[in-house]
């Protein structure tokens, strides 16, 4: 799965994107965020408060309990405001 990082999530992790193989047992957006958060210091810092990190699966907003299913891409980003 291609994982994209935006804004301060990208800055904390130090990557714009990466390809990962989903480990067994990782089936939802929240489970993927928890898995990523355990990968090292930058990831832990980016996902330290998972309630404020937003996600999109194949360019559609997704809630934490959304199944990853056959998605090809997931993006993680901070909350957005309109203007």
Protein backbone atom coordinates (compact mmCIF):
# COMPACT_ATOMS: atom_id res chain seq x y z
CA UNK A 1 0.00 0.00 0.00
CA UNK A 2 1.25 3.49 -0.77
CA UNK A 3 1.25 5.74 2.29
CA UNK A 4 1.39 9.51 1.83
CA UNK A 5 2.18 12.04 4.55
CA UNK A 6 1.28 15.74 4.45
CA UNK A 7 2.14 18.92 6.40
CA UNK A 8 3.46 18.38 9.94
CA UNK A 9 2.86 14.62 9.70
CA UNK A 10 5.40 14.54 6.85
CA UNK A 11 7.79 16.82 8.74
CA UNK A 12 7.76 14.62 11.84
CA UNK A 13 8.23 11.38 9.92
CA UNK A 14 10.70 12.80 7.42
CA UNK A 15 9.09 11.18 4.39
CA UNK A 16 6.58 12.30 1.77
CA UNK A 17 5.53 8.76 0.89
CA UNK A 18 6.45 5.11 1.19
CA UNK A 19 5.25 1.69 0.12
CA UNK A 20 4.45 -0.75 2.91
CA UNK A 21 3.19 -4.29 3.13
CA UNK A 22 0.32 -4.39 5.57
CA UNK A 23 1.10 -6.74 8.43
CA UNK A 24 -1.45 -9.35 9.42
CA UNK A 25 -3.97 -7.93 11.85
CA UNK A 26 -3.86 -4.40 10.44
CA UNK A 27 -7.28 -3.95 8.86
CA UNK A 28 -8.47 -0.40 9.67
CA UNK A 29 -7.17 3.14 9.42
CA UNK A 30 -6.69 3.26 13.21
CA UNK A 31 -4.77 -0.02 13.25
CA UNK A 32 -2.48 1.22 10.50
CA UNK A 33 -1.86 4.48 12.36
CA UNK A 34 -0.98 2.49 15.51
CA UNK A 35 1.33 0.21 13.51
CA UNK A 36 3.08 3.21 11.94
CA UNK A 37 3.33 4.96 15.31
CA UNK A 38 5.37 2.02 16.61
CA UNK A 39 7.94 2.19 13.77
CA UNK A 40 10.26 4.75 15.36
CA UNK A 41 10.61 8.12 17.00
CA UNK A 42 9.41 10.29 14.09
CA UNK A 43 6.39 8.07 13.50
CA UNK A 44 5.60 8.01 17.22
CA UNK A 45 5.71 11.81 17.30
CA UNK A 46 3.47 12.10 14.22
CA UNK A 47 0.86 9.69 15.60
CA UNK A 48 1.14 10.56 19.31
CA UNK A 49 -2.42 11.89 19.28
CA UNK A 50 -4.24 9.79 16.66
CA UNK A 51 -7.52 11.65 17.24
CA UNK A 52 -6.17 14.71 15.43
CA UNK A 53 -4.56 12.96 12.47
CA UNK A 54 -6.93 12.67 9.51
CA UNK A 55 -6.81 10.03 6.78
CA UNK A 56 -8.02 9.51 3.24
CA UNK A 57 -8.28 6.16 1.47
CA UNK A 58 -7.91 6.44 -2.28
CA UNK A 59 -8.50 10.19 -1.94
CA UNK A 60 -11.70 9.93 0.11
CA UNK A 61 -11.85 10.97 3.75
CA UNK A 62 -11.88 7.96 6.06
CA UNK A 63 -12.73 7.54 9.73
CA UNK A 64 -10.46 5.59 12.08
CA UNK A 65 -12.69 2.51 11.96
CA UNK A 66 -12.79 2.44 8.14
CA UNK A 67 -11.56 -0.90 6.78
CA UNK A 68 -8.49 -0.65 4.55
CA UNK A 69 -9.96 -3.30 2.25
CA UNK A 70 -8.53 -3.13 -1.25
CA UNK A 71 -7.37 0.49 -1.03
CA UNK A 72 -4.23 1.26 -2.98
CA UNK A 73 -3.34 4.50 -1.20
CA UNK A 74 -3.78 6.10 2.19
CA UNK A 75 -2.87 9.65 3.13
CA UNK A 76 -2.35 11.00 6.64
CA UNK A 77 -2.63 14.73 7.31
CA UNK A 78 -3.51 17.22 10.07
CA UNK A 79 -7.01 18.69 10.41
CA UNK A 80 -7.86 21.28 7.80
CA UNK A 81 -9.73 24.54 8.07
CA UNK A 82 -11.60 26.35 5.36
CA UNK A 83 -11.22 29.95 4.51
